[in-house]
């Protein structure tokens, strides 16, 4: 009642073909515990791969939102603001310039140790 995957045969290998044809011993072993363990390991591996792929897809989705969608949405918002009020372009440009200056000032205000550590 064993499936072919659940049994294996051991036959003598140091006899001639004539001896083998006339009479020989063959031992059949039940490998069901090993097949069951292998199937459990394969199921765990499949589950692990599913988890890794799920986490990777979530991380990819997050990165694409941060790196692509948010900048595009902010540009659309700026274009809409300029379309509604063309003088708003000056205010938007001034705000961005102030933000860049504040960022430069904060980087210059760091201690020499902090700037050396962030450089590498």
C-alpha atoms as a PDB file:
ATOM      1  CA  UNK A   1       0.000   0.000   0.000  1.00  0.00           C
ATOM      2  CA  UNK A   2       3.015   2.300  -0.102  1.00  0.00           C
ATOM      3  CA  UNK A   3       3.314   4.877  -2.850  1.00  0.00           C
ATOM      4  CA  UNK A   4       6.526   4.784  -4.885  1.00  0.00           C
ATOM      5  CA  UNK A   5       7.745   7.948  -3.115  1.00  0.00           C
ATOM      6  CA  UNK A   6       7.346   6.282   0.283  1.00  0.00           C
ATOM      7  CA  UNK A   7       9.545   3.261  -0.234  1.00  0.00           C
ATOM      8  CA  UNK A   8      13.006   2.483  -1.461  1.00  0.00           C
ATOM      9  CA  UNK A   9      14.755  -0.741  -2.341  1.00  0.00           C
ATOM     10  CA  UNK A  10      18.266  -1.887  -1.529  1.00  0.00           C
ATOM     11  CA  UNK A  11      19.738  -4.654  -3.673  1.00  0.00           C
ATOM     12  CA  UNK A  12      23.193  -6.179  -3.664  1.00  0.00           C
ATOM     13  CA  UNK A  13      25.564  -4.389  -6.005  1.00  0.00           C
ATOM     14  CA  UNK A  14      28.616  -6.679  -5.896  1.00  0.00           C
ATOM     15  CA  UNK A  15      27.105  -9.638  -7.723  1.00  0.00           C
ATOM     16  CA  UNK A  16      27.160 -10.440 -11.420  1.00  0.00           C
ATOM     17  CA  UNK A  17      24.157 -10.130 -13.692  1.00  0.00           C
ATOM     18  CA  UNK A  18      23.813 -13.940 -13.879  1.00  0.00           C
ATOM     19  CA  UNK A  19      23.732 -14.218 -10.085  1.00  0.00           C
ATOM     20  CA  UNK A  20      21.262 -11.368  -9.927  1.00  0.00           C
ATOM     21  CA  UNK A  21      18.978 -13.022 -12.488  1.00  0.00           C
ATOM     22  CA  UNK A  22      19.056 -16.423 -10.788  1.00  0.00           C
ATOM     23  CA  UNK A  23      18.540 -15.403  -7.180  1.00  0.00           C
ATOM     24  CA  UNK A  24      19.090 -12.303  -5.050  1.00  0.00           C
ATOM     25  CA  UNK A  25      17.863 -10.510  -1.944  1.00  0.00           C
ATOM     26  CA  UNK A  26      16.068  -7.210  -2.004  1.00  0.00           C
ATOM     27  CA  UNK A  27      15.227  -5.110   1.037  1.00  0.00           C
ATOM     28  CA  UNK A  28      12.305  -2.694   0.948  1.00  0.00           C
ATOM     29  CA  UNK A  29      12.249   0.168   3.415  1.00  0.00           C
ATOM     30  CA  UNK A  30       9.343   2.351   4.444  1.00  0.00           C
ATOM     31  CA  UNK A  31      10.279   6.026   4.176  1.00  0.00           C
ATOM     32  CA  UNK A  32       6.904   7.529   5.128  1.00  0.00           C
ATOM     33  CA  UNK A  33       8.291   9.415   8.174  1.00  0.00           C
ATOM     34  CA  UNK A  34      10.926  11.067   5.976  1.00  0.00           C
ATOM     35  CA  UNK A  35       8.391  11.918   3.265  1.00  0.00           C
ATOM     36  CA  UNK A  36       6.087  13.412   5.891  1.00  0.00           C
ATOM     37  CA  UNK A  37       8.918  15.495   7.360  1.00  0.00           C
ATOM     38  CA  UNK A  38       9.946  16.666   3.893  1.00  0.00           C
ATOM     39  CA  UNK A  39       6.377  17.706   3.086  1.00  0.00           C
ATOM     40  CA  UNK A  40       6.143  19.647   6.365  1.00  0.00           C
ATOM     41  CA  UNK A  41       9.419  21.412   5.583  1.00  0.00           C
ATOM     42  CA  UNK A  42       8.157  22.285   2.108  1.00  0.00           C
ATOM     43  CA  UNK A  43       4.949  23.729   3.573  1.00  0.00           C
ATOM     44  CA  UNK A  44       6.940  25.855   6.029  1.00  0.00           C
ATOM     45  CA  UNK A  45       9.193  27.042   3.211  1.00  0.00           C
ATOM     46  CA  UNK A  46       6.156  28.003   1.122  1.00  0.00           C
ATOM     47  CA  UNK A  47       4.641  29.885   4.067  1.00  0.00           C
ATOM     48  CA  UNK A  48       7.950  31.705   4.692  1.00  0.00           C
ATOM     49  CA  UNK A  49       8.237  32.701   1.023  1.00  0.00           C
ATOM     50  CA  UNK A  50       4.661  34.030   1.073  1.00  0.00           C
ATOM     51  CA  UNK A  51       5.462  36.148   4.122  1.00  0.00           C
ATOM     52  CA  UNK A  52       8.676  37.494   2.558  1.00  0.00           C
ATOM     53  CA  UNK A  53       6.900  38.365  -0.696  1.00  0.00           C
ATOM     54  CA  UNK A  54       4.060  40.063   1.179  1.00  0.00           C
ATOM     55  CA  UNK A  55       6.452  42.189   3.236  1.00  0.00           C
ATOM     56  CA  UNK A  56       8.500  43.053   0.140  1.00  0.00           C
ATOM     57  CA  UNK A  57       5.398  44.117  -1.803  1.00  0.00           C
ATOM     58  CA  UNK A  58       4.222  46.275   1.107  1.00  0.00           C
ATOM     59  CA  UNK A  59       7.648  47.915   1.334  1.00  0.00           C
ATOM     60  CA  UNK A  60       7.704  48.492  -2.440  1.00  0.00           C
ATOM     61  CA  UNK A  61       4.248  50.070  -2.289  1.00  0.00           C
ATOM     62  CA  UNK A  62       5.331  52.358   0.551  1.00  0.00           C
ATOM     63  CA  UNK A  63       8.500  53.389  -1.278  1.00  0.00           C
ATOM     64  CA  UNK A  64       6.626  54.089  -4.506  1.00  0.00           C
ATOM     65  CA  UNK A  65       4.134  56.264  -2.610  1.00  0.00           C
ATOM     66  CA  UNK A  66       6.907  58.250  -0.931  1.00  0.00           C
ATOM     67  CA  UNK A  67       9.221  58.559  -3.935  1.00  0.00           C
ATOM     68  CA  UNK A  68       6.709  58.946  -6.788  1.00  0.00           C
ATOM     69  CA  UNK A  69       3.140  59.705  -5.763  1.00  0.00           C
ATOM     70  CA  UNK A  70       3.693  62.281  -3.015  1.00  0.00           C
ATOM     71  CA  UNK A  71       6.011  64.505  -5.132  1.00  0.00           C
ATOM     72  CA  UNK A  72       3.604  64.308  -8.085  1.00  0.00           C
ATOM     73  CA  UNK A  73       0.654  65.187  -5.849  1.00  0.00           C
ATOM     74  CA  UNK A  74       2.534  68.145  -4.361  1.00  0.00           C
ATOM     75  CA  UNK A  75       3.416  69.391  -7.872  1.00  0.00           C
ATOM     76  CA  UNK A  76      -0.235  69.081  -8.925  1.00  0.00           C
ATOM     77  CA  UNK A  77      -1.284  71.046  -5.839  1.00  0.00           C
ATOM     78  CA  UNK A  78       1.243  73.779  -6.672  1.00  0.00           C
ATOM     79  CA  UNK A  79       0.098  73.949 -10.296  1.00  0.00           C
ATOM     80  CA  UNK A  80      -3.514  74.194  -9.177  1.00  0.00           C
ATOM     81  CA  UNK A  81      -2.622  76.968  -6.722  1.00  0.00           C
ATOM     82  CA  UNK A  82      -0.754  78.874  -9.455  1.00  0.00           C
ATOM     83  CA  UNK A  83      -3.654  78.328 -11.875  1.00  0.00           C
ATOM     84  CA  UNK A  84      -6.100  79.795  -9.375  1.00  0.00           C
ATOM     85  CA  UNK A  85      -3.815  82.689  -8.424  1.00  0.00           C
ATOM     86  CA  UNK A  86      -0.745  83.352 -10.619  1.00  0.00           C
ATOM     87  CA  UNK A  87       0.804  85.546  -7.929  1.00  0.00           C
ATOM     88  CA  UNK A  88       0.901  82.501  -5.637  1.00  0.00           C
ATOM     89  CA  UNK A  89       3.958  81.312  -7.605  1.00  0.00           C
ATOM     90  CA  UNK A  90       6.059  83.986  -5.903  1.00  0.00           C
ATOM     91  CA  UNK A  91       4.864  82.929  -2.451  1.00  0.00           C
ATOM     92  CA  UNK A  92       5.526  79.225  -3.215  1.00  0.00           C
ATOM     93  CA  UNK A  93       9.028  80.014  -4.491  1.00  0.00           C
ATOM     94  CA  UNK A  94       9.758  82.169  -1.414  1.00  0.00           C
ATOM     95  CA  UNK A  95       8.536  79.420   0.924  1.00  0.00           C
ATOM     96  CA  UNK A  96      10.747  76.819  -0.789  1.00  0.00           C
ATOM     97  CA  UNK A  97      13.761  79.145  -0.648  1.00  0.00           C
ATOM     98  CA  UNK A  98      13.195  79.778   3.074  1.00  0.00           C
ATOM     99  CA  UNK A  99      12.922  76.038   3.684  1.00  0.00           C
ATOM    100  CA  UNK A 100      16.212  75.416   1.875  1.00  0.00           C
ATOM    101  CA  UNK A 101      17.955  78.171   3.857  1.00  0.00           C
ATOM    102  CA  UNK A 102      16.671  76.766   7.155  1.00  0.00           C
ATOM    103  CA  UNK A 103      17.898  73.310   6.163  1.00  0.00           C
ATOM    104  CA  UNK A 104      21.361  74.684   5.299  1.00  0.00           C
ATOM    105  CA  UNK A 105      21.492  76.592   8.582  1.00  0.00           C
ATOM    106  CA  UNK A 106      20.610  73.460  10.570  1.00  0.00           C
ATOM    107  CA  UNK A 107      23.311  71.462   8.791  1.00  0.00           C
ATOM    108  CA  UNK A 108      25.889  74.177   9.502  1.00  0.00           C
ATOM    109  CA  UNK A 109      24.833  74.365  13.151  1.00  0.00           C
ATOM    110  CA  UNK A 110      25.745  70.725  13.775  1.00  0.00           C
ATOM    111  CA  UNK A 111      28.780  69.973  15.872  1.00  0.00           C
ATOM    112  CA  UNK A 112      31.948  68.945  14.040  1.00  0.00           C
ATOM    113  CA  UNK A 113      31.542  65.402  15.341  1.00  0.00           C
ATOM    114  CA  UNK A 114      27.970  65.148  14.019  1.00  0.00           C
ATOM    115  CA  UNK A 115      28.953  66.519  10.624  1.00  0.00           C
ATOM    116  CA  UNK A 116      31.889  64.093  10.427  1.00  0.00           C
ATOM    117  CA  UNK A 117      29.617  61.155  11.278  1.00  0.00           C
ATOM    118  CA  UNK A 118      26.927  62.138   8.772  1.00  0.00           C
ATOM    119  CA  UNK A 119      29.484  62.609   6.034  1.00  0.00           C
ATOM    120  CA  UNK A 120      30.345  58.860   5.962  1.00  0.00           C
END
